[in-house]
């Protein structure tokens, strides 16, 4: 299944600890089984390091390099020092491989892309779909009605088919 542009779909929740990462760990292999190429964007609120003190790449980056590309035969990572002026999300998406079928975004609640809300009774403070028109379905461990599809949080098969149907209709 190949489209001109990747289908971008967010997975969001009103709070951390709701199970977004666990959900994506289960969903990604299911989408791959459907012959879809999948990329993921993880939006975080805290500073992070993907390189470590003592490594040559870390030393080069810390010496002032604006960008550091780490690569081997297995993978590569481009580290850019934003220095307080973070690029727009859209400009970062533009850097991603366009040959994939789906780009899943974990977090980034404010994005304008279609999103699936993870709502768990014990972890969610509010139902985001009530105020966010970009939410197209809710994954939940509760039973309630809504004007958009409600999918049991443990039913990864139904979620996979929902995503495929949504992708095919774009």
N, C-alpha and C. Protein backbone atom coordinates (compact mmCIF):
# COMPACT_ATOMS: atom_id res chain seq x y z
N UNK A 1 0.85 -1.17 0.00
CA UNK A 1 0.00 0.00 0.00
C UNK A 1 0.90 1.23 0.00
N UNK A 2 0.95 1.96 -1.08
CA UNK A 2 1.83 3.12 -1.16
C UNK A 2 1.02 4.36 -1.50
N UNK A 3 1.23 5.40 -0.74
CA UNK A 3 0.60 6.69 -0.98
C UNK A 3 1.68 7.70 -1.33
N UNK A 4 1.25 8.83 -1.84
CA UNK A 4 2.18 9.90 -2.17
C UNK A 4 2.94 10.36 -0.94
N UNK A 5 2.24 10.54 0.13
CA UNK A 5 2.81 11.00 1.40
C UNK A 5 2.46 10.00 2.49
N UNK A 6 3.27 9.88 3.52
CA UNK A 6 2.91 9.01 4.64
C UNK A 6 1.65 9.50 5.34
N UNK A 7 0.87 8.57 5.83
CA UNK A 7 -0.29 8.90 6.66
C UNK A 7 0.24 9.17 8.06
N UNK A 8 -0.06 10.34 8.59
CA UNK A 8 0.43 10.73 9.92
C UNK A 8 -0.71 10.61 10.91
N UNK A 9 -0.47 9.86 11.98
CA UNK A 9 -1.49 9.61 12.99
C UNK A 9 -0.89 9.75 14.38
N UNK A 10 -1.49 10.59 15.19
CA UNK A 10 -1.03 10.77 16.56
C UNK A 10 -1.70 9.82 17.52
N UNK A 11 -0.99 9.51 18.59
CA UNK A 11 -1.55 8.76 19.72
C UNK A 11 -1.34 9.65 20.93
N UNK A 12 -2.44 10.08 21.53
CA UNK A 12 -2.35 11.09 22.58
C UNK A 12 -3.17 10.68 23.80
N UNK A 13 -2.95 11.38 24.89
CA UNK A 13 -3.68 11.13 26.14
C UNK A 13 -3.60 12.40 26.98
N UNK A 14 -4.46 12.49 27.97
CA UNK A 14 -4.47 13.68 28.82
C UNK A 14 -3.35 13.67 29.85
N UNK A 15 -2.72 12.51 30.05
CA UNK A 15 -1.63 12.45 31.04
C UNK A 15 -0.65 11.34 30.68
N UNK A 16 0.53 11.42 31.26
CA UNK A 16 1.51 10.35 31.03
C UNK A 16 1.10 9.13 31.84
N UNK A 17 1.65 7.99 31.48
CA UNK A 17 1.32 6.76 32.19
C UNK A 17 0.04 6.11 31.70
N UNK A 18 -0.50 6.61 30.60
CA UNK A 18 -1.78 6.08 30.10
C UNK A 18 -1.62 4.83 29.25
N UNK A 19 -0.40 4.54 28.81
CA UNK A 19 -0.18 3.34 28.02
C UNK A 19 0.08 3.60 26.54
N UNK A 20 0.43 4.81 26.18
CA UNK A 20 0.69 5.13 24.77
C UNK A 20 1.84 4.29 24.20
N UNK A 21 2.95 4.24 24.91
CA UNK A 21 4.11 3.49 24.42
C UNK A 21 3.79 2.00 24.33
N UNK A 22 3.15 1.46 25.34
CA UNK A 22 2.77 0.04 25.33
C UNK A 22 1.85 -0.25 24.16
N UNK A 23 0.91 0.63 23.92
CA UNK A 23 0.00 0.48 22.79
C UNK A 23 0.79 0.46 21.48
N UNK A 24 1.69 1.40 21.30
CA UNK A 24 2.46 1.47 20.06
C UNK A 24 3.36 0.25 19.89
N UNK A 25 3.90 -0.27 20.98
CA UNK A 25 4.72 -1.49 20.90
C UNK A 25 3.91 -2.66 20.34
N UNK A 26 2.62 -2.70 20.64
CA UNK A 26 1.76 -3.77 20.14
C UNK A 26 1.25 -3.46 18.73
N UNK A 27 0.99 -2.18 18.46
CA UNK A 27 0.40 -1.78 17.18
C UNK A 27 1.40 -1.86 16.03
N UNK A 28 2.61 -1.43 16.24
CA UNK A 28 3.60 -1.38 15.16
C UNK A 28 3.79 -2.75 14.49
N UNK A 29 4.00 -3.84 15.23
CA UNK A 29 4.13 -5.15 14.57
C UNK A 29 2.87 -5.55 13.79
N UNK A 30 1.71 -5.14 14.27
CA UNK A 30 0.46 -5.48 13.57
C UNK A 30 0.39 -4.74 12.23
N UNK A 31 0.79 -3.48 12.21
CA UNK A 31 0.80 -2.72 10.96
C UNK A 31 1.84 -3.28 10.00
N UNK A 32 2.97 -3.70 10.53
CA UNK A 32 4.01 -4.30 9.69
C UNK A 32 3.51 -5.61 9.08
N UNK A 33 2.74 -6.40 9.85
CA UNK A 33 2.15 -7.64 9.31
C UNK A 33 1.23 -7.35 8.14
N UNK A 34 0.67 -6.14 8.11
CA UNK A 34 -0.22 -5.73 7.01
C UNK A 34 0.58 -5.10 5.86
N UNK A 35 1.89 -5.35 5.87
CA UNK A 35 2.81 -4.85 4.84
C UNK A 35 2.91 -3.33 4.78
N UNK A 36 2.76 -2.70 5.92
CA UNK A 36 2.94 -1.25 6.00
C UNK A 36 4.32 -0.95 6.58
N UNK A 37 4.97 0.06 6.03
CA UNK A 37 6.23 0.54 6.61
C UNK A 37 5.87 1.64 7.59
N UNK A 38 6.40 1.55 8.80
CA UNK A 38 5.99 2.43 9.90
C UNK A 38 7.20 3.18 10.46
N UNK A 39 7.02 4.47 10.69
CA UNK A 39 7.99 5.28 11.43
C UNK A 39 7.28 5.85 12.65
N UNK A 40 8.07 6.24 13.64
CA UNK A 40 7.50 6.77 14.88
C UNK A 40 8.22 8.06 15.26
N UNK A 41 7.44 9.01 15.75
CA UNK A 41 7.97 10.22 16.36
C UNK A 41 7.57 10.17 17.82
N UNK A 42 8.54 10.29 18.71
CA UNK A 42 8.26 10.33 20.15
C UNK A 42 8.48 11.77 20.61
N UNK A 43 7.41 12.40 21.04
CA UNK A 43 7.52 13.77 21.55
C UNK A 43 7.71 13.69 23.06
N UNK A 44 8.75 14.33 23.53
CA UNK A 44 9.03 14.33 24.97
C UNK A 44 9.02 15.74 25.52
N UNK A 45 8.83 15.84 26.81
CA UNK A 45 8.82 17.14 27.48
C UNK A 45 10.13 17.42 28.21
N UNK A 46 10.99 16.44 28.28
CA UNK A 46 12.22 16.58 29.06
C UNK A 46 13.43 16.47 28.14
N UNK A 47 14.54 17.03 28.59
CA UNK A 47 15.78 16.92 27.86
C UNK A 47 16.18 15.44 27.78
N UNK A 48 16.84 15.05 26.71
CA UNK A 48 17.26 13.67 26.58
C UNK A 48 18.62 13.60 25.91
N UNK A 49 19.30 12.52 26.11
CA UNK A 49 20.58 12.23 25.46
C UNK A 49 20.46 10.89 24.76
N UNK A 50 20.92 10.84 23.53
CA UNK A 50 21.00 9.54 22.86
C UNK A 50 22.46 9.13 22.68
N UNK A 51 23.33 9.98 23.14
CA UNK A 51 24.76 9.74 23.08
C UNK A 51 25.30 9.83 24.50
N UNK A 52 26.47 9.28 24.75
CA UNK A 52 26.94 9.17 26.13
C UNK A 52 28.35 9.72 26.31
N UNK A 53 28.62 10.30 27.49
CA UNK A 53 29.97 10.80 27.78
C UNK A 53 31.01 9.70 27.55
N UNK A 54 32.13 10.13 26.99
CA UNK A 54 33.21 9.19 26.71
C UNK A 54 33.22 8.69 25.28
N UNK A 55 32.07 8.72 24.61
CA UNK A 55 32.00 8.29 23.21
C UNK A 55 32.52 9.41 22.32
N UNK A 56 33.18 9.06 21.23
CA UNK A 56 33.73 10.06 20.32
C UNK A 56 32.66 11.02 19.81
N UNK A 57 31.51 10.48 19.42
CA UNK A 57 30.44 11.33 18.89
C UNK A 57 29.96 12.32 19.94
N UNK A 58 29.88 11.90 21.18
CA UNK A 58 29.49 12.80 22.28
C UNK A 58 30.52 13.91 22.42
N UNK A 59 31.79 13.56 22.38
CA UNK A 59 32.86 14.56 22.53
C UNK A 59 32.81 15.57 21.38
N UNK A 60 32.58 15.09 20.17
CA UNK A 60 32.50 16.00 19.02
C UNK A 60 31.30 16.93 19.13
N UNK A 61 30.18 16.39 19.55
CA UNK A 61 28.98 17.22 19.71
C UNK A 61 29.20 18.26 20.80
N UNK A 62 29.76 17.84 21.91
CA UNK A 62 30.00 18.75 23.03
C UNK A 62 31.06 19.81 22.70
N UNK A 63 31.88 19.55 21.68
CA UNK A 63 32.89 20.55 21.30
C UNK A 63 32.27 21.72 20.54
N UNK A 64 30.98 21.59 20.19
CA UNK A 64 30.28 22.71 19.57
C UNK A 64 29.64 22.43 18.24
N UNK A 65 29.71 21.21 17.75
CA UNK A 65 29.11 20.89 16.45
C UNK A 65 27.60 21.15 16.50
N UNK A 66 27.08 21.81 15.47
CA UNK A 66 25.65 22.09 15.38
C UNK A 66 24.86 20.80 15.15
N UNK A 67 25.39 19.94 14.27
CA UNK A 67 24.76 18.64 14.03
C UNK A 67 25.83 17.55 14.09
N UNK A 68 25.42 16.41 14.59
CA UNK A 68 26.29 15.24 14.64
C UNK A 68 25.51 14.07 14.09
N UNK A 69 26.04 13.43 13.07
CA UNK A 69 25.41 12.25 12.49
C UNK A 69 26.21 11.04 12.95
N UNK A 70 25.53 10.14 13.65
CA UNK A 70 26.14 8.90 14.11
C UNK A 70 25.58 7.79 13.22
N UNK A 71 26.45 6.96 12.66
CA UNK A 71 25.95 5.94 11.75
C UNK A 71 26.84 4.71 11.76
N UNK A 72 26.21 3.59 11.47
CA UNK A 72 26.91 2.35 11.19
C UNK A 72 26.07 1.57 10.20
N UNK A 73 26.39 0.32 9.97
CA UNK A 73 25.63 -0.46 8.99
C UNK A 73 24.21 -0.78 9.45
N UNK A 74 23.94 -0.68 10.73
CA UNK A 74 22.63 -1.04 11.29
C UNK A 74 21.65 0.12 11.41
N UNK A 75 22.17 1.33 11.75
CA UNK A 75 21.27 2.47 11.98
C UNK A 75 22.05 3.76 11.95
N UNK A 76 21.29 4.87 11.95
CA UNK A 76 21.91 6.19 12.01
C UNK A 76 21.03 7.11 12.85
N UNK A 77 21.65 8.14 13.40
CA UNK A 77 20.91 9.13 14.18
C UNK A 77 21.54 10.49 13.92
N UNK A 78 20.71 11.46 13.62
CA UNK A 78 21.16 12.83 13.43
C UNK A 78 20.77 13.63 14.66
N UNK A 79 21.77 14.17 15.35
CA UNK A 79 21.52 14.97 16.54
C UNK A 79 21.74 16.43 16.16
N UNK A 80 20.73 17.26 16.38
CA UNK A 80 20.81 18.69 16.11
C UNK A 80 20.67 19.43 17.42
N UNK A 81 21.57 20.36 17.66
CA UNK A 81 21.50 21.20 18.86
C UNK A 81 20.59 22.38 18.56
N UNK A 82 19.43 22.42 19.19
CA UNK A 82 18.45 23.48 18.93
C UNK A 82 18.77 24.79 19.64
N UNK A 83 19.47 24.73 20.73
CA UNK A 83 19.89 25.92 21.48
C UNK A 83 18.74 26.89 21.75
N UNK A 84 17.63 26.35 22.21
CA UNK A 84 16.50 27.19 22.61
C UNK A 84 15.58 27.61 21.49
N UNK A 85 15.89 27.29 20.25
CA UNK A 85 15.00 27.65 19.15
C UNK A 85 14.62 26.37 18.39
N UNK A 86 13.74 25.63 19.00
CA UNK A 86 13.34 24.34 18.43
C UNK A 86 12.67 24.54 17.08
N UNK A 87 13.00 23.69 16.11
CA UNK A 87 12.34 23.77 14.81
C UNK A 87 10.88 23.35 14.93
N UNK A 88 10.09 23.74 13.95
CA UNK A 88 8.68 23.35 13.97
C UNK A 88 8.57 21.84 13.77
N UNK A 89 7.50 21.29 14.29
CA UNK A 89 7.25 19.87 14.12
C UNK A 89 7.18 19.52 12.64
N UNK A 90 6.53 20.36 11.86
CA UNK A 90 6.38 20.10 10.43
C UNK A 90 7.74 20.03 9.74
N UNK A 91 8.68 20.90 10.13
CA UNK A 91 10.00 20.86 9.49
C UNK A 91 10.75 19.58 9.86
N UNK A 92 10.52 19.06 11.06
CA UNK A 92 11.14 17.79 11.45
C UNK A 92 10.52 16.62 10.69
N UNK A 93 9.21 16.66 10.51
CA UNK A 93 8.53 15.61 9.74
C UNK A 93 9.07 15.59 8.31
N UNK A 94 9.37 16.76 7.77
CA UNK A 94 9.91 16.85 6.41
C UNK A 94 11.24 16.12 6.27
N UNK A 95 11.98 15.97 7.35
CA UNK A 95 13.27 15.28 7.31
C UNK A 95 13.11 13.76 7.30
N UNK A 96 11.92 13.28 7.59
CA UNK A 96 11.70 11.84 7.69
C UNK A 96 11.54 11.21 6.31
N UNK A 97 11.81 9.94 6.23
CA UNK A 97 11.72 9.17 5.00
C UNK A 97 10.27 9.15 4.51
N UNK A 98 10.05 9.64 3.31
CA UNK A 98 8.69 9.72 2.75
C UNK A 98 8.23 8.40 2.13
N UNK A 99 9.10 7.39 2.11
CA UNK A 99 8.70 6.12 1.51
C UNK A 99 7.91 5.25 2.48
N UNK A 100 7.77 5.68 3.73
CA UNK A 100 6.98 4.89 4.69
C UNK A 100 5.50 5.11 4.43
N UNK A 101 4.68 4.21 4.92
CA UNK A 101 3.24 4.33 4.76
C UNK A 101 2.60 5.12 5.89
N UNK A 102 3.13 4.93 7.11
CA UNK A 102 2.52 5.53 8.30
C UNK A 102 3.61 6.13 9.18
N UNK A 103 3.35 7.34 9.68
CA UNK A 103 4.17 7.93 10.73
C UNK A 103 3.28 8.07 11.95
N UNK A 104 3.62 7.38 13.01
CA UNK A 104 2.87 7.45 14.26
C UNK A 104 3.56 8.45 15.17
N UNK A 105 2.78 9.33 15.79
CA UNK A 105 3.31 10.33 16.70
C UNK A 105 2.85 9.98 18.11
N UNK A 106 3.79 9.75 19.00
CA UNK A 106 3.42 9.54 20.41
C UNK A 106 3.52 10.87 21.13
N UNK A 107 2.39 11.32 21.64
CA UNK A 107 2.36 12.61 22.33
C UNK A 107 1.99 13.72 21.36
N UNK A 108 2.55 14.89 21.58
CA UNK A 108 2.29 16.08 20.78
C UNK A 108 0.78 16.33 20.64
N UNK A 109 0.15 16.45 21.76
CA UNK A 109 -1.29 16.61 21.86
C UNK A 109 -1.82 17.77 21.01
N UNK A 110 -1.03 18.82 20.83
CA UNK A 110 -1.50 20.02 20.13
C UNK A 110 -1.41 19.92 18.61
N UNK A 111 -0.94 18.82 18.07
CA UNK A 111 -0.78 18.74 16.62
C UNK A 111 -2.13 18.76 15.91
N UNK A 112 -2.10 19.15 14.65
CA UNK A 112 -3.32 19.22 13.84
C UNK A 112 -3.58 17.93 13.06
N UNK A 113 -2.75 16.92 13.25
CA UNK A 113 -2.95 15.65 12.55
C UNK A 113 -4.07 14.84 13.21
N UNK A 114 -4.58 13.87 12.46
CA UNK A 114 -5.56 12.95 13.05
C UNK A 114 -4.90 12.24 14.21
N UNK A 115 -5.70 12.00 15.25
CA UNK A 115 -5.16 11.37 16.46
C UNK A 115 -6.12 10.34 17.01
N UNK A 116 -5.54 9.41 17.75
CA UNK A 116 -6.31 8.46 18.54
C UNK A 116 -6.02 8.77 19.99
N UNK A 117 -7.07 8.88 20.78
CA UNK A 117 -6.91 9.18 22.20
C UNK A 117 -6.87 7.88 23.01
N UNK A 118 -5.91 7.80 23.92
CA UNK A 118 -5.87 6.70 24.88
C UNK A 118 -6.49 7.24 26.16
N UNK A 119 -7.63 6.68 26.53
CA UNK A 119 -8.33 7.13 27.74
C UNK A 119 -8.48 5.94 28.68
N UNK A 120 -7.78 6.00 29.79
CA UNK A 120 -7.88 4.95 30.81
C UNK A 120 -8.40 5.57 32.08
N UNK A 121 -9.41 4.95 32.63
CA UNK A 121 -10.11 5.48 33.80
C UNK A 121 -9.16 5.91 34.91
N UNK A 122 -8.16 5.10 35.21
CA UNK A 122 -7.28 5.40 36.34
C UNK A 122 -6.18 6.40 36.01
N UNK A 123 -5.96 6.70 34.73
CA UNK A 123 -4.83 7.55 34.36
C UNK A 123 -5.22 8.82 33.61
N UNK A 124 -6.45 8.94 33.18
CA UNK A 124 -6.84 10.07 32.35
C UNK A 124 -7.65 11.08 33.14
N UNK A 125 -7.28 12.33 32.98
CA UNK A 125 -7.97 13.38 33.72
C UNK A 125 -9.13 13.99 32.95
N UNK A 126 -9.11 13.86 31.63
CA UNK A 126 -10.20 14.41 30.82
C UNK A 126 -10.30 13.66 29.51
N UNK A 127 -11.45 13.75 28.89
CA UNK A 127 -11.67 13.15 27.57
C UNK A 127 -11.34 14.22 26.53
N UNK A 128 -10.21 14.06 25.89
CA UNK A 128 -9.72 15.07 24.95
C UNK A 128 -10.57 15.18 23.70
N UNK A 129 -11.21 14.09 23.29
CA UNK A 129 -12.01 14.12 22.06
C UNK A 129 -13.15 15.13 22.15
N UNK A 130 -13.55 15.48 23.36
CA UNK A 130 -14.64 16.45 23.53
C UNK A 130 -14.25 17.84 23.04
N UNK A 131 -12.96 18.15 23.05
CA UNK A 131 -12.52 19.49 22.63
C UNK A 131 -11.53 19.47 21.46
N UNK A 132 -11.12 18.30 21.01
CA UNK A 132 -10.15 18.21 19.92
C UNK A 132 -10.80 17.53 18.71
N UNK A 133 -11.13 18.31 17.67
CA UNK A 133 -11.79 17.73 16.50
C UNK A 133 -10.88 16.82 15.67
N UNK A 134 -9.58 16.80 15.96
CA UNK A 134 -8.66 15.93 15.23
C UNK A 134 -8.61 14.51 15.77
N UNK A 135 -9.24 14.28 16.91
CA UNK A 135 -9.29 12.92 17.47
C UNK A 135 -10.37 12.14 16.72
N UNK A 136 -9.96 11.01 16.12
CA UNK A 136 -10.86 10.23 15.27
C UNK A 136 -11.34 8.95 15.93
N UNK A 137 -10.76 8.58 17.07
CA UNK A 137 -11.18 7.39 17.81
C UNK A 137 -10.62 7.46 19.22
N UNK A 138 -11.27 6.71 20.12
CA UNK A 138 -10.80 6.64 21.51
C UNK A 138 -10.54 5.18 21.84
N UNK A 139 -9.35 4.91 22.38
CA UNK A 139 -9.01 3.59 22.91
C UNK A 139 -9.20 3.67 24.41
N UNK A 140 -9.97 2.75 24.97
CA UNK A 140 -10.31 2.89 26.38
C UNK A 140 -10.54 1.55 27.05
N UNK A 141 -10.46 1.59 28.38
CA UNK A 141 -10.81 0.43 29.19
C UNK A 141 -12.18 0.64 29.84
N UNK A 142 -12.88 1.67 29.40
CA UNK A 142 -14.22 1.98 29.91
C UNK A 142 -15.25 1.74 28.83
N UNK A 143 -16.51 1.75 29.24
CA UNK A 143 -17.60 1.63 28.29
C UNK A 143 -18.38 2.94 28.31
N UNK A 144 -18.40 3.63 27.17
CA UNK A 144 -19.20 4.84 27.04
C UNK A 144 -19.48 5.07 25.57
N UNK A 145 -20.40 5.95 25.28
CA UNK A 145 -20.73 6.26 23.89
C UNK A 145 -20.13 7.61 23.53
N UNK A 146 -19.83 7.76 22.26
CA UNK A 146 -19.25 9.00 21.76
C UNK A 146 -19.57 9.11 20.27
N UNK A 147 -19.44 10.29 19.71
CA UNK A 147 -19.72 10.46 18.28
C UNK A 147 -18.61 9.93 17.37
N UNK A 148 -17.56 9.38 17.96
CA UNK A 148 -16.46 8.78 17.19
C UNK A 148 -16.29 7.34 17.67
N UNK A 149 -15.59 6.51 16.92
CA UNK A 149 -15.42 5.11 17.34
C UNK A 149 -14.73 4.97 18.70
N UNK A 150 -15.26 4.06 19.50
CA UNK A 150 -14.67 3.69 20.79
C UNK A 150 -14.14 2.27 20.62
N UNK A 151 -12.86 2.07 20.89
CA UNK A 151 -12.22 0.76 20.71
C UNK A 151 -11.63 0.33 22.04
N UNK A 152 -11.85 -0.94 22.39
CA UNK A 152 -11.27 -1.46 23.62
C UNK A 152 -9.75 -1.38 23.52
N UNK A 153 -9.13 -0.90 24.57
CA UNK A 153 -7.68 -0.67 24.57
C UNK A 153 -6.87 -1.94 24.33
N UNK A 154 -7.46 -3.10 24.59
CA UNK A 154 -6.77 -4.38 24.39
C UNK A 154 -7.06 -5.02 23.03
N UNK A 155 -7.91 -4.38 22.23
CA UNK A 155 -8.30 -4.94 20.94
C UNK A 155 -7.44 -4.34 19.82
N UNK A 156 -6.21 -4.80 19.74
CA UNK A 156 -5.25 -4.27 18.77
C UNK A 156 -5.67 -4.62 17.34
N UNK A 157 -6.34 -5.76 17.15
CA UNK A 157 -6.80 -6.13 15.81
C UNK A 157 -7.79 -5.10 15.27
N UNK A 158 -8.76 -4.72 16.09
CA UNK A 158 -9.75 -3.73 15.66
C UNK A 158 -9.08 -2.39 15.40
N UNK A 159 -8.15 -2.00 16.26
CA UNK A 159 -7.43 -0.74 16.06
C UNK A 159 -6.66 -0.78 14.75
N UNK A 160 -5.99 -1.88 14.48
CA UNK A 160 -5.21 -2.02 13.24
C UNK A 160 -6.12 -1.86 12.03
N UNK A 161 -7.27 -2.53 12.04
CA UNK A 161 -8.20 -2.42 10.92
C UNK A 161 -8.76 -1.01 10.79
N UNK A 162 -9.02 -0.36 11.92
CA UNK A 162 -9.49 1.03 11.90
C UNK A 162 -8.45 1.92 11.22
N UNK A 163 -7.19 1.75 11.56
CA UNK A 163 -6.12 2.56 10.97
C UNK A 163 -6.00 2.29 9.48
N UNK A 164 -6.06 1.03 9.08
CA UNK A 164 -5.98 0.68 7.66
C UNK A 164 -7.14 1.30 6.89
N UNK A 165 -8.34 1.20 7.43
CA UNK A 165 -9.51 1.80 6.79
C UNK A 165 -9.35 3.31 6.68
N UNK A 166 -8.88 3.94 7.74
CA UNK A 166 -8.67 5.39 7.73
C UNK A 166 -7.60 5.76 6.72
N UNK A 167 -6.53 4.99 6.67
CA UNK A 167 -5.45 5.24 5.71
C UNK A 167 -5.96 5.11 4.28
N UNK A 168 -6.75 4.09 4.01
CA UNK A 168 -7.26 3.86 2.66
C UNK A 168 -8.23 4.95 2.22
N UNK A 169 -8.88 5.60 3.18
CA UNK A 169 -9.85 6.64 2.83
C UNK A 169 -9.21 8.02 2.66
N UNK A 170 -7.89 8.11 2.88
CA UNK A 170 -7.23 9.42 2.72
C UNK A 170 -6.68 9.60 1.33
